[in-house]
Amino acid sequence: MTTVRDCPATIRRALAAHTTLTLAYTDDEGPQACAVLYATAARPVPSLVLVTAESTRHGRAFARAAGTGPGARVAFTAQRDGQEWTELTGVQGRGVCHRLAGEARAAGWRTYLERFPFVAADDRLAAALERTALWEVRPDWLRLIDNGRGFGHKEEWHAP
């Protein structure tokens, strides 16, 4: 396992290879998980950008946590469905989810549209999502699982 300041390229590539996170959080009703589309910003430390309305259960939980501190603690996984166990590759992670505003939101929106150009191609969808909250997950721990490199192969990264 590796502990470095910049996230290893293998983990960044694995995150960039997928589009859906299973995002877990907790609120007053207890633990919950949801699937969300995400885009990764190209930088040495990953940033995961996602769109969700504050009217959803997870949106309310994220907003409530952001109002009382740096953001909501979340855990997540990203992997492709239907993989053979001998080739299973995916990423597990933990971090903080917070709402983007101002220039950070504009930059996050550009990242999201680059990953999902179909959003910009549909005027009605683009307008609806532009009015919706844009969130960023800043991971502080990531683990790559890559059975293609050997059963149970793991590579980890911790934020400085």
N, C-alpha and C. Protein backbone atom coordinates (compact mmCIF):
# COMPACT_ATOMS: atom_id res chain seq x y z
N MET A 1 0.83 -1.18 0.00
CA MET A 1 0.00 0.00 0.00
C MET A 1 0.88 1.25 0.00
N THR A 2 0.35 2.33 -0.57
CA THR A 2 1.11 3.55 -0.75
C THR A 2 0.43 4.68 0.00
N THR A 3 1.20 5.50 0.65
CA THR A 3 0.70 6.72 1.24
C THR A 3 1.54 7.85 0.68
N VAL A 4 0.94 8.72 -0.12
CA VAL A 4 1.65 9.81 -0.77
C VAL A 4 0.81 11.07 -0.71
N ARG A 5 1.45 12.20 -0.96
CA ARG A 5 0.75 13.48 -0.95
C ARG A 5 -0.23 13.56 -2.13
N ASP A 6 0.26 13.35 -3.35
CA ASP A 6 -0.62 13.34 -4.51
C ASP A 6 -1.21 11.95 -4.66
N CYS A 7 -2.45 11.90 -5.07
CA CYS A 7 -3.12 10.62 -5.27
C CYS A 7 -2.46 9.89 -6.43
N PRO A 8 -2.16 8.61 -6.28
CA PRO A 8 -1.52 7.86 -7.37
C PRO A 8 -2.36 7.90 -8.66
N ALA A 9 -1.68 7.92 -9.78
CA ALA A 9 -2.34 7.97 -11.08
C ALA A 9 -3.26 6.77 -11.28
N THR A 10 -2.92 5.62 -10.73
CA THR A 10 -3.77 4.43 -10.89
C THR A 10 -5.15 4.66 -10.27
N ILE A 11 -5.19 5.30 -9.13
CA ILE A 11 -6.47 5.57 -8.47
C ILE A 11 -7.23 6.65 -9.23
N ARG A 12 -6.53 7.71 -9.65
CA ARG A 12 -7.19 8.77 -10.42
C ARG A 12 -7.77 8.23 -11.72
N ARG A 13 -7.02 7.35 -12.41
CA ARG A 13 -7.52 6.75 -13.65
C ARG A 13 -8.76 5.89 -13.38
N ALA A 14 -8.75 5.13 -12.29
CA ALA A 14 -9.90 4.29 -11.95
C ALA A 14 -11.13 5.14 -11.68
N LEU A 15 -10.98 6.25 -10.97
CA LEU A 15 -12.11 7.14 -10.72
C LEU A 15 -12.62 7.75 -12.03
N ALA A 16 -11.71 8.14 -12.90
CA ALA A 16 -12.09 8.76 -14.18
C ALA A 16 -12.74 7.75 -15.12
N ALA A 17 -12.49 6.48 -14.93
CA ALA A 17 -13.03 5.44 -15.82
C ALA A 17 -14.50 5.16 -15.56
N HIS A 18 -15.03 5.60 -14.44
CA HIS A 18 -16.42 5.31 -14.07
C HIS A 18 -17.24 6.59 -14.06
N THR A 19 -18.54 6.44 -13.99
CA THR A 19 -19.42 7.62 -13.99
C THR A 19 -20.42 7.63 -12.84
N THR A 20 -20.55 6.52 -12.11
CA THR A 20 -21.57 6.43 -11.07
C THR A 20 -20.95 6.09 -9.72
N LEU A 21 -21.30 6.88 -8.72
CA LEU A 21 -20.90 6.61 -7.34
C LEU A 21 -22.08 6.03 -6.59
N THR A 22 -21.82 5.07 -5.73
CA THR A 22 -22.77 4.71 -4.70
C THR A 22 -22.29 5.49 -3.49
N LEU A 23 -23.06 6.49 -3.12
CA LEU A 23 -22.68 7.45 -2.10
C LEU A 23 -23.46 7.17 -0.82
N ALA A 24 -22.74 6.93 0.27
CA ALA A 24 -23.37 6.61 1.55
C ALA A 24 -23.19 7.78 2.52
N TYR A 25 -24.21 8.00 3.32
CA TYR A 25 -24.21 9.09 4.29
C TYR A 25 -25.14 8.68 5.42
N THR A 26 -25.20 9.52 6.43
CA THR A 26 -26.16 9.28 7.51
C THR A 26 -26.88 10.57 7.82
N ASP A 27 -28.11 10.44 8.26
CA ASP A 27 -28.90 11.58 8.69
C ASP A 27 -29.73 11.17 9.90
N ASP A 28 -30.73 11.97 10.26
CA ASP A 28 -31.54 11.66 11.43
C ASP A 28 -32.31 10.34 11.30
N GLU A 29 -32.54 9.89 10.09
CA GLU A 29 -33.25 8.64 9.86
C GLU A 29 -32.31 7.44 9.85
N GLY A 30 -31.00 7.68 9.88
CA GLY A 30 -30.03 6.60 9.87
C GLY A 30 -29.20 6.56 8.60
N PRO A 31 -28.48 5.47 8.39
CA PRO A 31 -27.63 5.37 7.20
C PRO A 31 -28.45 5.18 5.93
N GLN A 32 -27.92 5.67 4.83
CA GLN A 32 -28.59 5.57 3.54
C GLN A 32 -27.53 5.62 2.45
N ALA A 33 -27.83 5.09 1.29
CA ALA A 33 -26.94 5.17 0.13
C ALA A 33 -27.75 5.55 -1.09
N CYS A 34 -27.11 6.22 -2.02
CA CYS A 34 -27.76 6.61 -3.26
C CYS A 34 -26.75 6.53 -4.40
N ALA A 35 -27.25 6.35 -5.60
CA ALA A 35 -26.39 6.34 -6.78
C ALA A 35 -26.48 7.70 -7.45
N VAL A 36 -25.33 8.28 -7.78
CA VAL A 36 -25.27 9.58 -8.45
C VAL A 36 -24.21 9.55 -9.54
N LEU A 37 -24.48 10.28 -10.63
CA LEU A 37 -23.46 10.48 -11.65
C LEU A 37 -22.43 11.47 -11.11
N TYR A 38 -21.18 11.26 -11.46
CA TYR A 38 -20.13 12.17 -10.99
C TYR A 38 -19.10 12.39 -12.09
N ALA A 39 -18.39 13.48 -11.96
CA ALA A 39 -17.26 13.79 -12.83
C ALA A 39 -16.06 14.07 -11.94
N THR A 40 -14.88 13.75 -12.45
CA THR A 40 -13.66 14.01 -11.69
C THR A 40 -12.92 15.18 -12.30
N ALA A 41 -12.41 16.04 -11.44
CA ALA A 41 -11.56 17.14 -11.90
C ALA A 41 -10.14 16.60 -12.05
N ALA A 42 -9.48 17.00 -13.12
CA ALA A 42 -8.11 16.53 -13.39
C ALA A 42 -7.13 17.33 -12.55
N ARG A 43 -6.72 16.73 -11.46
CA ARG A 43 -5.73 17.36 -10.57
C ARG A 43 -5.09 16.27 -9.72
N PRO A 44 -3.98 16.56 -9.08
CA PRO A 44 -3.27 15.54 -8.29
C PRO A 44 -4.08 14.95 -7.14
N VAL A 45 -4.99 15.73 -6.57
CA VAL A 45 -5.87 15.23 -5.51
C VAL A 45 -7.28 15.24 -6.07
N PRO A 46 -7.94 14.08 -6.11
CA PRO A 46 -9.25 13.99 -6.76
C PRO A 46 -10.31 14.88 -6.13
N SER A 47 -11.21 15.31 -6.99
CA SER A 47 -12.39 16.05 -6.60
C SER A 47 -13.53 15.46 -7.41
N LEU A 48 -14.60 15.06 -6.77
CA LEU A 48 -15.73 14.42 -7.44
C LEU A 48 -16.91 15.38 -7.43
N VAL A 49 -17.41 15.73 -8.58
CA VAL A 49 -18.48 16.71 -8.72
C VAL A 49 -19.77 15.99 -9.08
N LEU A 50 -20.86 16.33 -8.38
CA LEU A 50 -22.15 15.70 -8.63
C LEU A 50 -23.26 16.72 -8.49
N VAL A 51 -24.38 16.40 -9.11
CA VAL A 51 -25.56 17.26 -9.09
C VAL A 51 -26.65 16.55 -8.30
N THR A 52 -27.25 17.24 -7.36
CA THR A 52 -28.44 16.71 -6.70
C THR A 52 -29.20 17.86 -6.05
N ALA A 53 -30.50 17.76 -6.07
CA ALA A 53 -31.35 18.79 -5.48
C ALA A 53 -31.33 18.69 -3.96
N GLU A 54 -31.44 19.83 -3.32
CA GLU A 54 -31.52 19.85 -1.86
C GLU A 54 -32.83 19.27 -1.36
N SER A 55 -33.78 19.02 -2.25
CA SER A 55 -35.05 18.43 -1.84
C SER A 55 -34.96 16.91 -1.70
N THR A 56 -33.89 16.29 -2.19
CA THR A 56 -33.71 14.85 -2.00
C THR A 56 -33.25 14.58 -0.57
N ARG A 57 -33.40 13.37 -0.13
CA ARG A 57 -32.96 13.03 1.23
C ARG A 57 -31.46 13.30 1.39
N HIS A 58 -30.65 12.86 0.43
CA HIS A 58 -29.22 13.08 0.56
C HIS A 58 -28.88 14.57 0.40
N GLY A 59 -29.59 15.29 -0.47
CA GLY A 59 -29.37 16.73 -0.60
C GLY A 59 -29.66 17.47 0.70
N ARG A 60 -30.73 17.09 1.38
CA ARG A 60 -31.06 17.70 2.68
C ARG A 60 -29.97 17.39 3.71
N ALA A 61 -29.50 16.14 3.71
CA ALA A 61 -28.45 15.76 4.67
C ALA A 61 -27.16 16.53 4.40
N PHE A 62 -26.79 16.68 3.12
CA PHE A 62 -25.57 17.42 2.77
C PHE A 62 -25.70 18.89 3.17
N ALA A 63 -26.87 19.48 2.88
CA ALA A 63 -27.09 20.89 3.19
C ALA A 63 -27.07 21.13 4.70
N ARG A 64 -27.70 20.23 5.44
CA ARG A 64 -27.73 20.38 6.91
C ARG A 64 -26.31 20.30 7.47
N ALA A 65 -25.51 19.36 6.99
CA ALA A 65 -24.14 19.22 7.47
C ALA A 65 -23.29 20.42 7.08
N ALA A 66 -23.53 20.97 5.88
CA ALA A 66 -22.76 22.13 5.44
C ALA A 66 -23.08 23.35 6.30
N GLY A 67 -24.29 23.41 6.83
CA GLY A 67 -24.67 24.54 7.68
C GLY A 67 -24.06 24.49 9.06
N THR A 68 -23.53 23.35 9.46
CA THR A 68 -22.97 23.21 10.80
C THR A 68 -21.47 22.91 10.81
N GLY A 69 -20.85 22.89 9.63
CA GLY A 69 -19.42 22.58 9.58
C GLY A 69 -18.91 22.55 8.16
N PRO A 70 -17.82 21.86 7.93
CA PRO A 70 -17.19 21.87 6.61
C PRO A 70 -17.95 21.08 5.55
N GLY A 71 -18.91 20.27 5.94
CA GLY A 71 -19.67 19.48 4.99
C GLY A 71 -20.03 18.13 5.59
N ALA A 72 -20.71 17.33 4.80
CA ALA A 72 -21.17 16.02 5.25
C ALA A 72 -20.08 14.99 5.04
N ARG A 73 -19.84 14.16 6.04
CA ARG A 73 -18.93 13.02 5.88
C ARG A 73 -19.67 11.97 5.06
N VAL A 74 -19.01 11.46 4.04
CA VAL A 74 -19.60 10.46 3.17
C VAL A 74 -18.60 9.34 2.91
N ALA A 75 -19.13 8.22 2.49
CA ALA A 75 -18.32 7.11 2.00
C ALA A 75 -18.89 6.76 0.63
N PHE A 76 -18.08 6.15 -0.22
CA PHE A 76 -18.56 5.85 -1.56
C PHE A 76 -17.78 4.71 -2.19
N THR A 77 -18.37 4.16 -3.24
CA THR A 77 -17.68 3.21 -4.11
C THR A 77 -17.97 3.61 -5.55
N ALA A 78 -17.05 3.27 -6.43
CA ALA A 78 -17.22 3.45 -7.88
C ALA A 78 -16.66 2.21 -8.56
N GLN A 79 -17.49 1.58 -9.37
CA GLN A 79 -17.05 0.40 -10.11
C GLN A 79 -18.03 0.17 -11.25
N ARG A 80 -17.61 -0.58 -12.23
CA ARG A 80 -18.45 -0.93 -13.36
C ARG A 80 -19.25 -2.18 -12.99
N ASP A 81 -20.51 -2.22 -13.35
CA ASP A 81 -21.33 -3.41 -13.11
C ASP A 81 -20.90 -4.56 -14.03
N GLY A 82 -21.17 -5.78 -13.61
CA GLY A 82 -21.00 -6.94 -14.44
C GLY A 82 -19.57 -7.41 -14.64
N GLN A 83 -18.67 -7.07 -13.76
CA GLN A 83 -17.28 -7.49 -13.91
C GLN A 83 -17.10 -8.93 -13.42
N GLU A 84 -16.19 -9.64 -14.06
CA GLU A 84 -15.77 -10.95 -13.56
C GLU A 84 -14.90 -10.72 -12.33
N TRP A 85 -15.00 -11.58 -11.36
CA TRP A 85 -14.26 -11.36 -10.10
C TRP A 85 -12.76 -11.32 -10.33
N THR A 86 -12.26 -12.01 -11.34
CA THR A 86 -10.81 -12.03 -11.59
C THR A 86 -10.31 -10.71 -12.14
N GLU A 87 -11.21 -9.88 -12.66
CA GLU A 87 -10.84 -8.58 -13.24
C GLU A 87 -11.46 -7.42 -12.47
N LEU A 88 -12.14 -7.71 -11.36
CA LEU A 88 -12.85 -6.68 -10.61
C LEU A 88 -11.92 -5.51 -10.27
N THR A 89 -12.35 -4.33 -10.65
CA THR A 89 -11.62 -3.10 -10.35
C THR A 89 -12.61 -2.07 -9.87
N GLY A 90 -12.29 -1.38 -8.81
CA GLY A 90 -13.15 -0.32 -8.30
C GLY A 90 -12.43 0.49 -7.25
N VAL A 91 -13.09 1.54 -6.81
CA VAL A 91 -12.51 2.44 -5.82
C VAL A 91 -13.48 2.58 -4.65
N GLN A 92 -12.93 2.51 -3.45
CA GLN A 92 -13.68 2.81 -2.22
C GLN A 92 -13.12 4.13 -1.70
N GLY A 93 -13.95 4.93 -1.05
CA GLY A 93 -13.44 6.20 -0.53
C GLY A 93 -14.27 6.77 0.59
N ARG A 94 -13.67 7.73 1.26
CA ARG A 94 -14.33 8.53 2.30
C ARG A 94 -13.90 9.98 2.09
N GLY A 95 -14.78 10.89 2.49
CA GLY A 95 -14.42 12.30 2.37
C GLY A 95 -15.53 13.20 2.86
N VAL A 96 -15.46 14.44 2.43
CA VAL A 96 -16.43 15.47 2.82
C VAL A 96 -17.13 15.97 1.57
N CYS A 97 -18.45 16.09 1.66
CA CYS A 97 -19.27 16.59 0.57
C CYS A 97 -19.77 17.99 0.93
N HIS A 98 -19.51 18.96 0.06
CA HIS A 98 -20.00 20.32 0.32
C HIS A 98 -20.55 20.92 -0.97
N ARG A 99 -21.42 21.90 -0.81
CA ARG A 99 -22.04 22.57 -1.96
C ARG A 99 -21.06 23.57 -2.56
N LEU A 100 -21.03 23.61 -3.89
CA LEU A 100 -20.16 24.56 -4.59
C LEU A 100 -20.92 25.85 -4.87
N ALA A 101 -20.21 26.97 -4.77
CA ALA A 101 -20.80 28.28 -5.04
C ALA A 101 -19.77 29.14 -5.77
N GLY A 102 -20.27 30.17 -6.43
CA GLY A 102 -19.39 31.14 -7.08
C GLY A 102 -18.52 30.52 -8.17
N GLU A 103 -17.24 30.93 -8.20
CA GLU A 103 -16.31 30.44 -9.21
C GLU A 103 -16.08 28.93 -9.08
N ALA A 104 -16.08 28.41 -7.86
CA ALA A 104 -15.92 26.97 -7.67
C ALA A 104 -17.07 26.22 -8.33
N ARG A 105 -18.28 26.77 -8.26
CA ARG A 105 -19.43 26.14 -8.91
C ARG A 105 -19.28 26.20 -10.43
N ALA A 106 -18.84 27.35 -10.94
CA ALA A 106 -18.64 27.49 -12.39
C ALA A 106 -17.60 26.48 -12.89
N ALA A 107 -16.51 26.32 -12.15
CA ALA A 107 -15.47 25.36 -12.52
C ALA A 107 -16.01 23.93 -12.42
N GLY A 108 -16.76 23.64 -11.37
CA GLY A 108 -17.36 22.32 -11.21
C GLY A 108 -18.35 22.01 -12.32
N TRP A 109 -19.12 23.00 -12.71
CA TRP A 109 -20.09 22.81 -13.78
C TRP A 109 -19.38 22.51 -15.10
N ARG A 110 -18.27 23.20 -15.38
CA ARG A 110 -17.49 22.92 -16.60
C ARG A 110 -16.98 21.47 -16.57
N THR A 111 -16.49 21.03 -15.43
CA THR A 111 -16.01 19.65 -15.28
C THR A 111 -17.14 18.67 -15.54
N TYR A 112 -18.31 18.94 -14.98
CA TYR A 112 -19.46 18.05 -15.13
C TYR A 112 -19.90 17.97 -16.60
N LEU A 113 -19.98 19.14 -17.28
CA LEU A 113 -20.42 19.16 -18.67
C LEU A 113 -19.40 18.50 -19.60
N GLU A 114 -18.14 18.61 -19.26
CA GLU A 114 -17.12 17.94 -20.07
C GLU A 114 -17.29 16.42 -19.99
N ARG A 115 -17.63 15.92 -18.81
CA ARG A 115 -17.81 14.48 -18.63
C ARG A 115 -19.14 13.99 -19.20
N PHE A 116 -20.17 14.85 -19.11
CA PHE A 116 -21.51 14.48 -19.57
C PHE A 116 -22.02 15.50 -20.59
N PRO A 117 -21.48 15.49 -21.80
CA PRO A 117 -21.87 16.48 -22.81
C PRO A 117 -23.35 16.41 -23.20
N PHE A 118 -24.00 15.27 -22.96
CA PHE A 118 -25.43 15.15 -23.28
C PHE A 118 -26.26 16.14 -22.48
N VAL A 119 -25.75 16.57 -21.31
CA VAL A 119 -26.49 17.54 -20.50
C VAL A 119 -26.59 18.87 -21.24
N ALA A 120 -25.47 19.36 -21.76
CA ALA A 120 -25.46 20.64 -22.48
C ALA A 120 -26.21 20.55 -23.80
N ALA A 121 -26.29 19.35 -24.38
CA ALA A 121 -26.96 19.17 -25.67
C ALA A 121 -28.47 19.26 -25.56
N ASP A 122 -29.02 19.13 -24.37
CA ASP A 122 -30.45 19.19 -24.15
C ASP A 122 -30.75 20.45 -23.34
N ASP A 123 -31.29 21.46 -24.01
CA ASP A 123 -31.52 22.77 -23.36
C ASP A 123 -32.36 22.67 -22.10
N ARG A 124 -33.41 21.85 -22.15
CA ARG A 124 -34.29 21.72 -20.98
C ARG A 124 -33.56 21.05 -19.81
N LEU A 125 -32.79 19.98 -20.09
CA LEU A 125 -32.03 19.31 -19.05
C LEU A 125 -30.95 20.22 -18.48
N ALA A 126 -30.23 20.92 -19.36
CA ALA A 126 -29.18 21.83 -18.90
C ALA A 126 -29.75 22.92 -18.00
N ALA A 127 -30.88 23.49 -18.39
CA ALA A 127 -31.50 24.56 -17.59
C ALA A 127 -31.93 24.02 -16.23
N ALA A 128 -32.51 22.82 -16.22
CA ALA A 128 -32.94 22.23 -14.94
C ALA A 128 -31.75 21.96 -14.03
N LEU A 129 -30.68 21.39 -14.56
CA LEU A 129 -29.52 21.07 -13.73
C LEU A 129 -28.77 22.32 -13.28
N GLU A 130 -28.77 23.36 -14.10
CA GLU A 130 -28.09 24.60 -13.70
C GLU A 130 -28.77 25.23 -12.48
N ARG A 131 -30.05 24.95 -12.28
CA ARG A 131 -30.78 25.48 -11.12
C ARG A 131 -30.66 24.55 -9.91
N THR A 132 -30.02 23.41 -10.10
CA THR A 132 -29.90 22.41 -9.05
C THR A 132 -28.55 22.56 -8.35
N ALA A 133 -28.49 22.15 -7.11
CA ALA A 133 -27.25 22.27 -6.33
C ALA A 133 -26.14 21.41 -6.95
N LEU A 134 -24.95 21.96 -6.97
CA LEU A 134 -23.77 21.25 -7.44
C LEU A 134 -22.89 21.01 -6.22
N TRP A 135 -22.46 19.78 -6.04
CA TRP A 135 -21.73 19.36 -4.85
C TRP A 135 -20.36 18.82 -5.23
N GLU A 136 -19.45 18.90 -4.30
CA GLU A 136 -18.11 18.34 -4.50
C GLU A 136 -17.78 17.43 -3.33
N VAL A 137 -17.31 16.24 -3.66
CA VAL A 137 -16.77 15.34 -2.64
C VAL A 137 -15.26 15.46 -2.71
N ARG A 138 -14.66 15.83 -1.61
CA ARG A 138 -13.21 15.89 -1.48
C ARG A 138 -12.77 14.67 -0.68
N PRO A 139 -12.26 13.65 -1.36
CA PRO A 139 -11.84 12.45 -0.63
C PRO A 139 -10.63 12.72 0.27
N ASP A 140 -10.61 12.05 1.41
CA ASP A 140 -9.42 12.09 2.27
C ASP A 140 -8.83 10.70 2.43
N TRP A 141 -9.52 9.69 1.87
CA TRP A 141 -9.00 8.32 1.84
C TRP A 141 -9.59 7.62 0.63
N LEU A 142 -8.73 6.96 -0.13
CA LEU A 142 -9.16 6.20 -1.30
C LEU A 142 -8.45 4.86 -1.32
N ARG A 143 -9.17 3.83 -1.75
CA ARG A 143 -8.57 2.51 -1.92
C ARG A 143 -8.99 1.96 -3.28
N LEU A 144 -7.99 1.64 -4.08
CA LEU A 144 -8.21 0.97 -5.35
C LEU A 144 -8.15 -0.53 -5.12
N ILE A 145 -9.16 -1.24 -5.60
CA ILE A 145 -9.16 -2.70 -5.61
C ILE A 145 -8.97 -3.09 -7.07
N ASP A 146 -7.97 -3.92 -7.36
CA ASP A 146 -7.70 -4.31 -8.74
C ASP A 146 -7.30 -5.78 -8.79
N ASN A 147 -8.31 -6.65 -8.90
CA ASN A 147 -8.05 -8.08 -8.96
C ASN A 147 -7.30 -8.48 -10.23
N GLY A 148 -7.32 -7.63 -11.26
CA GLY A 148 -6.56 -7.91 -12.47
C GLY A 148 -5.06 -7.92 -12.23
N ARG A 149 -4.64 -7.26 -11.15
CA ARG A 149 -3.21 -7.24 -10.78
C ARG A 149 -2.90 -8.27 -9.71
N GLY A 150 -3.87 -9.11 -9.37
CA GLY A 150 -3.71 -10.13 -8.34
C GLY A 150 -4.90 -10.06 -7.41
N PHE A 151 -5.42 -11.23 -7.01
CA PHE A 151 -6.60 -11.26 -6.16
C PHE A 151 -6.38 -10.42 -4.90
N GLY A 152 -7.29 -9.50 -4.66
CA GLY A 152 -7.22 -8.66 -3.46
C GLY A 152 -6.18 -7.55 -3.53
N HIS A 153 -5.62 -7.27 -4.73
CA HIS A 153 -4.63 -6.19 -4.83
C HIS A 153 -5.26 -4.87 -4.41
N LYS A 154 -4.59 -4.17 -3.53
CA LYS A 154 -5.09 -2.89 -3.01
C LYS A 154 -3.99 -1.84 -3.10
N GLU A 155 -4.42 -0.63 -3.35
CA GLU A 155 -3.53 0.52 -3.32
C GLU A 155 -4.29 1.62 -2.61
N GLU A 156 -3.68 2.25 -1.60
CA GLU A 156 -4.39 3.26 -0.82
C GLU A 156 -3.72 4.62 -0.91
N TRP A 157 -4.54 5.64 -0.69
CA TRP A 157 -4.07 7.01 -0.62
C TRP A 157 -4.79 7.69 0.54
N HIS A 158 -4.03 8.47 1.31
CA HIS A 158 -4.59 9.27 2.41
C HIS A 158 -4.24 10.72 2.15
N ALA A 159 -5.19 11.62 2.40
CA ALA A 159 -4.93 13.05 2.27
C ALA A 159 -3.88 13.46 3.28
N PRO A 160 -3.08 14.43 2.92
CA PRO A 160 -2.06 14.91 3.87
C PRO A 160 -2.68 15.54 5.10
